[in-house]
Structures are given as structure tokens and as C-alpha cells.
Amino acid sequence: NNTTTHNNTDMSWQGYVDNLITGKSATKAAIFGIQGGLWAKSANFNITDAEAATVVKGFTGGQTSYLLEGQKYQQLQANDTTINGKLGKGGFVAEKTNMAVVIAVYEDPIQPGTAAVGTGKMADFLRENSY
């Protein structure tokens, strides 16, 4: 198990990831530090550090697609805090906060809007708590 707790806090990052799954906002999810490093991920999400780093770069533009677990997602929309990607009937939402990026992958029957709202709420909570 390579899930780690971020050193600066007693917040349970794993709990946040698990809430996205149990709340039916995502099929798989992870939180990475903006500077790199995995904070937490769902057990079924085999995202690499390099794949997460590419998502982080996407917030500054220039990306048209992303590899997550080796699967190619087409970018639908991106700005400095949110990226939406699509693969078949599923996709991913990435939200950047001050210190972290939340990456949530969803598959049918989870709808893009449901994934976006759940991921956005988590990111807002992290931002409000200075993460």
C-alpha cells in the first residue's frame, strides 16, 4: 500500500478519496501534491506520478489529451483550476487547489456533471482549509 498521509496535517486524505467513491461522484480518485507526490488514492486507481504531473501541467494550457492508467482521455475543457476529459462514456475531472490536485475518474452510469460537482465540492473544501 503506497498511500501516504500528507505530513503537514492530521486530515485524512484517504477519507476524502473514499468519499468521492462512496458518494458515487467517481469510480477512481486520487489526490496529488501540486509539487508532486501522492497524498492518497483509491485502491483501484493505478495512476502514475508522471501521469499526475501531466495533469498538473494541463492547468497552464497546452494539453489536448491525458494518459491515466495508460488510457488516453481527450480534453474537453480546461482552465487554471479545472480540467474535464472524456474516454468513451466515461471521463475524468481534475481540480487544482492551492497545494493539491484532485483527480476523479468516472465511468458509466456516473454522469459528467455528477463527477464535476462532487470533485468541485471536495476541491472547494480543500481551498477553504488552505490546501
C-alpha atoms as a PDB file:
ATOM      1  CA  ASN A   1       0.000   0.000   0.000  1.00  0.00           C
ATOM      2  CA  ASN A   2       1.740   3.167  -1.161  1.00  0.00           C
ATOM      3  CA  THR A   3      -0.894   5.550   0.199  1.00  0.00           C
ATOM      4  CA  THR A   4       0.696   8.230   2.318  1.00  0.00           C
ATOM      5  CA  THR A   5      -0.641  10.895   4.637  1.00  0.00           C
ATOM      6  CA  HIS A   6       0.469  14.443   3.921  1.00  0.00           C
ATOM      7  CA  ASN A   7       2.944  15.450   6.634  1.00  0.00           C
ATOM      8  CA  ASN A   8       1.563  18.907   7.460  1.00  0.00           C
ATOM      9  CA  THR A   9      -1.809  17.791   8.711  1.00  0.00           C
ATOM     10  CA  ASP A  10      -3.913  15.317  10.583  1.00  0.00           C
ATOM     11  CA  MET A  11      -6.616  15.423   7.902  1.00  0.00           C
ATOM     12  CA  SER A  12      -7.319  12.005   6.435  1.00  0.00           C
ATOM     13  CA  TRP A  13      -6.663  12.352   2.722  1.00  0.00           C
ATOM     14  CA  GLN A  14      -7.706   8.746   2.223  1.00  0.00           C
ATOM     15  CA  GLY A  15     -11.117   9.581   3.691  1.00  0.00           C
ATOM     16  CA  TYR A  16     -11.632  12.306   1.091  1.00  0.00           C
ATOM     17  CA  VAL A  17     -10.756   9.969  -1.764  1.00  0.00           C
ATOM     18  CA  ASP A  18     -13.041   7.279  -0.343  1.00  0.00           C
ATOM     19  CA  ASN A  19     -15.906   9.806  -0.057  1.00  0.00           C
ATOM     20  CA  LEU A  20     -15.752  10.525  -3.795  1.00  0.00           C
ATOM     21  CA  ILE A  21     -16.193   6.803  -4.476  1.00  0.00           C
ATOM     22  CA  THR A  22     -18.871   6.088  -1.863  1.00  0.00           C
ATOM     23  CA  GLY A  23     -20.697   9.307  -2.786  1.00  0.00           C
ATOM     24  CA  LYS A  24     -20.967   7.993  -6.352  1.00  0.00           C
ATOM     25  CA  SER A  25     -19.084  11.002  -7.803  1.00  0.00           C
ATOM     26  CA  ALA A  26     -16.217   8.862  -9.112  1.00  0.00           C
ATOM     27  CA  THR A  27     -15.150   5.317  -9.901  1.00  0.00           C
ATOM     28  CA  LYS A  28     -11.498   6.015  -9.011  1.00  0.00           C
ATOM     29  CA  ALA A  29      -9.836   9.018  -7.407  1.00  0.00           C
ATOM     30  CA  ALA A  30      -6.531  10.380  -6.158  1.00  0.00           C
ATOM     31  CA  ILE A  31      -5.060  13.462  -4.523  1.00  0.00           C
ATOM     32  CA  PHE A  32      -1.553  14.540  -5.500  1.00  0.00           C
ATOM     33  CA  GLY A  33       0.503  17.475  -4.302  1.00  0.00           C
ATOM     34  CA  ILE A  34       0.954  20.245  -6.880  1.00  0.00           C
ATOM     35  CA  GLN A  35       4.722  19.833  -6.441  1.00  0.00           C
ATOM     36  CA  GLY A  36       4.374  16.073  -6.894  1.00  0.00           C
ATOM     37  CA  GLY A  37       3.835  13.210  -4.516  1.00  0.00           C
ATOM     38  CA  LEU A  38       0.792  11.077  -3.881  1.00  0.00           C
ATOM     39  CA  TRP A  39      -1.328  12.088  -0.867  1.00  0.00           C
ATOM     40  CA  ALA A  40      -3.985   9.366  -1.251  1.00  0.00           C
ATOM     41  CA  LYS A  41      -5.715   7.250  -3.882  1.00  0.00           C
ATOM     42  CA  SER A  42      -8.410   4.651  -4.234  1.00  0.00           C
ATOM     43  CA  ALA A  43      -7.016   1.113  -4.284  1.00  0.00           C
ATOM     44  CA  ASN A  44      -8.338   0.549  -7.821  1.00  0.00           C
ATOM     45  CA  PHE A  45      -6.570   3.619  -9.324  1.00  0.00           C
ATOM     46  CA  ASN A  46      -3.145   2.807 -10.797  1.00  0.00           C
ATOM     47  CA  ILE A  47      -2.254   6.353 -11.848  1.00  0.00           C
ATOM     48  CA  THR A  48       1.484   7.086 -12.046  1.00  0.00           C
ATOM     49  CA  ASP A  49       3.322  10.134 -10.723  1.00  0.00           C
ATOM     50  CA  ALA A  50       4.205  11.061 -14.325  1.00  0.00           C
ATOM     51  CA  GLU A  51       0.538  10.902 -15.388  1.00  0.00           C
ATOM     52  CA  ALA A  52      -0.445  13.111 -12.440  1.00  0.00           C
ATOM     53  CA  ALA A  53       2.338  15.580 -13.314  1.00  0.00           C
ATOM     54  CA  THR A  54       0.921  15.881 -16.852  1.00  0.00           C
ATOM     55  CA  VAL A  55      -2.495  16.721 -15.395  1.00  0.00           C
ATOM     56  CA  VAL A  56      -0.904  19.409 -13.191  1.00  0.00           C
ATOM     57  CA  LYS A  57       0.772  20.901 -16.293  1.00  0.00           C
ATOM     58  CA  GLY A  58      -2.619  20.921 -18.046  1.00  0.00           C
ATOM     59  CA  PHE A  59      -3.878  23.702 -15.774  1.00  0.00           C
ATOM     60  CA  THR A  60      -1.489  26.087 -17.542  1.00  0.00           C
ATOM     61  CA  GLY A  61      -2.647  25.048 -21.025  1.00  0.00           C
ATOM     62  CA  GLY A  62      -1.072  23.314 -23.980  1.00  0.00           C
ATOM     63  CA  GLN A  63      -2.524  19.842 -23.343  1.00  0.00           C
ATOM     64  CA  THR A  64      -5.141  18.217 -25.578  1.00  0.00           C
ATOM     65  CA  SER A  65      -5.122  14.734 -24.063  1.00  0.00           C
ATOM     66  CA  TYR A  66      -4.031  12.929 -20.907  1.00  0.00           C
ATOM     67  CA  LEU A  67      -2.930   9.397 -20.101  1.00  0.00           C
ATOM     68  CA  LEU A  68      -4.429   7.975 -16.918  1.00  0.00           C
ATOM     69  CA  GLU A  69      -3.540   4.344 -16.189  1.00  0.00           C
ATOM     70  CA  GLY A  70      -2.242   4.255 -19.779  1.00  0.00           C
ATOM     71  CA  GLN A  71      -5.691   5.140 -21.189  1.00  0.00           C
ATOM     72  CA  LYS A  72      -5.915   8.232 -23.401  1.00  0.00           C
ATOM     73  CA  TYR A  73      -8.533  10.808 -22.378  1.00  0.00           C
ATOM     74  CA  GLN A  74      -9.389  13.711 -24.693  1.00  0.00           C
ATOM     75  CA  GLN A  75      -9.519  17.119 -23.044  1.00  0.00           C
ATOM     76  CA  LEU A  76     -12.976  18.687 -23.272  1.00  0.00           C
ATOM     77  CA  GLN A  77     -12.328  21.822 -21.244  1.00  0.00           C
ATOM     78  CA  ALA A  78      -9.507  23.261 -19.162  1.00  0.00           C
ATOM     79  CA  ASN A  79      -8.745  26.421 -17.232  1.00  0.00           C
ATOM     80  CA  ASP A  80      -6.403  27.286 -14.369  1.00  0.00           C
ATOM     81  CA  THR A  81      -8.414  25.296 -11.785  1.00  0.00           C
ATOM     82  CA  THR A  82     -10.474  22.647 -13.630  1.00  0.00           C
ATOM     83  CA  ILE A  83      -9.840  20.071 -16.370  1.00  0.00           C
ATOM     84  CA  ASN A  84     -12.510  17.832 -17.893  1.00  0.00           C
ATOM     85  CA  GLY A  85     -11.565  14.858 -20.057  1.00  0.00           C
ATOM     86  CA  LYS A  86     -13.504  12.143 -21.865  1.00  0.00           C
ATOM     87  CA  LEU A  87     -12.946   8.498 -22.762  1.00  0.00           C
ATOM     88  CA  GLY A  88     -15.916   6.639 -24.222  1.00  0.00           C
ATOM     89  CA  LYS A  89     -18.905   7.031 -21.892  1.00  0.00           C
ATOM     90  CA  GLY A  90     -16.627   7.969 -19.009  1.00  0.00           C
ATOM     91  CA  GLY A  91     -14.042  10.589 -18.292  1.00  0.00           C
ATOM     92  CA  PHE A  92     -12.199  12.453 -15.578  1.00  0.00           C
ATOM     93  CA  VAL A  93     -12.371  15.683 -13.657  1.00  0.00           C
ATOM     94  CA  ALA A  94      -9.284  17.319 -12.169  1.00  0.00           C
ATOM     95  CA  GLU A  95      -9.497  20.229  -9.738  1.00  0.00           C
ATOM     96  CA  LYS A  96      -6.469  22.229  -8.624  1.00  0.00           C
ATOM     97  CA  THR A  97      -6.315  23.769  -5.166  1.00  0.00           C
ATOM     98  CA  ASN A  98      -3.537  25.820  -3.563  1.00  0.00           C
ATOM     99  CA  MET A  99      -1.451  22.752  -2.714  1.00  0.00           C
ATOM    100  CA  ALA A 100      -3.095  19.758  -4.356  1.00  0.00           C
ATOM    101  CA  VAL A 101      -4.838  18.343  -7.388  1.00  0.00           C
ATOM    102  CA  VAL A 102      -7.869  16.090  -7.030  1.00  0.00           C
ATOM    103  CA  ILE A 103      -8.239  13.663  -9.958  1.00  0.00           C
ATOM    104  CA  ALA A 104     -11.513  11.754 -10.229  1.00  0.00           C
ATOM    105  CA  VAL A 105     -12.236   9.182 -12.948  1.00  0.00           C
ATOM    106  CA  TYR A 106     -15.861   8.256 -13.625  1.00  0.00           C
ATOM    107  CA  GLU A 107     -17.434   5.522 -15.719  1.00  0.00           C
ATOM    108  CA  ASP A 108     -20.996   4.919 -16.901  1.00  0.00           C
ATOM    109  CA  PRO A 109     -23.524   5.228 -15.199  1.00  0.00           C
ATOM    110  CA  ILE A 110     -21.874   8.158 -13.345  1.00  0.00           C
ATOM    111  CA  GLN A 111     -22.591  11.308 -15.340  1.00  0.00           C
ATOM    112  CA  PRO A 112     -20.001  14.036 -16.063  1.00  0.00           C
ATOM    113  CA  GLY A 113     -21.994  16.626 -14.109  1.00  0.00           C
ATOM    114  CA  THR A 114     -22.168  14.391 -11.042  1.00  0.00           C
ATOM    115  CA  ALA A 115     -18.403  13.848 -11.151  1.00  0.00           C
ATOM    116  CA  ALA A 116     -17.771  17.579 -11.636  1.00  0.00           C
ATOM    117  CA  VAL A 117     -19.991  18.586  -8.709  1.00  0.00           C
ATOM    118  CA  GLY A 118     -18.516  16.018  -6.299  1.00  0.00           C
ATOM    119  CA  THR A 119     -14.926  16.782  -7.256  1.00  0.00           C
ATOM    120  CA  GLY A 120     -15.599  20.525  -7.180  1.00  0.00           C
ATOM    121  CA  LYS A 121     -17.094  20.354  -3.687  1.00  0.00           C
ATOM    122  CA  MET A 122     -14.055  18.484  -2.410  1.00  0.00           C
ATOM    123  CA  ALA A 123     -11.695  20.998  -4.037  1.00  0.00           C
ATOM    124  CA  ASP A 124     -13.686  23.914  -2.569  1.00  0.00           C
ATOM    125  CA  PHE A 125     -13.404  22.333   0.883  1.00  0.00           C
ATOM    126  CA  LEU A 126      -9.636  21.947   0.469  1.00  0.00           C
ATOM    127  CA  ARG A 127      -9.311  25.568  -0.737  1.00  0.00           C
ATOM    128  CA  GLU A 128     -11.365  26.834   2.231  1.00  0.00           C
ATOM    129  CA  ASN A 129      -8.980  24.958   4.535  1.00  0.00           C
ATOM    130  CA  SER A 130      -5.864  26.477   2.905  1.00  0.00           C
ATOM    131  CA  TYR A 131      -4.937  23.381   0.910  1.00  0.00           C
END
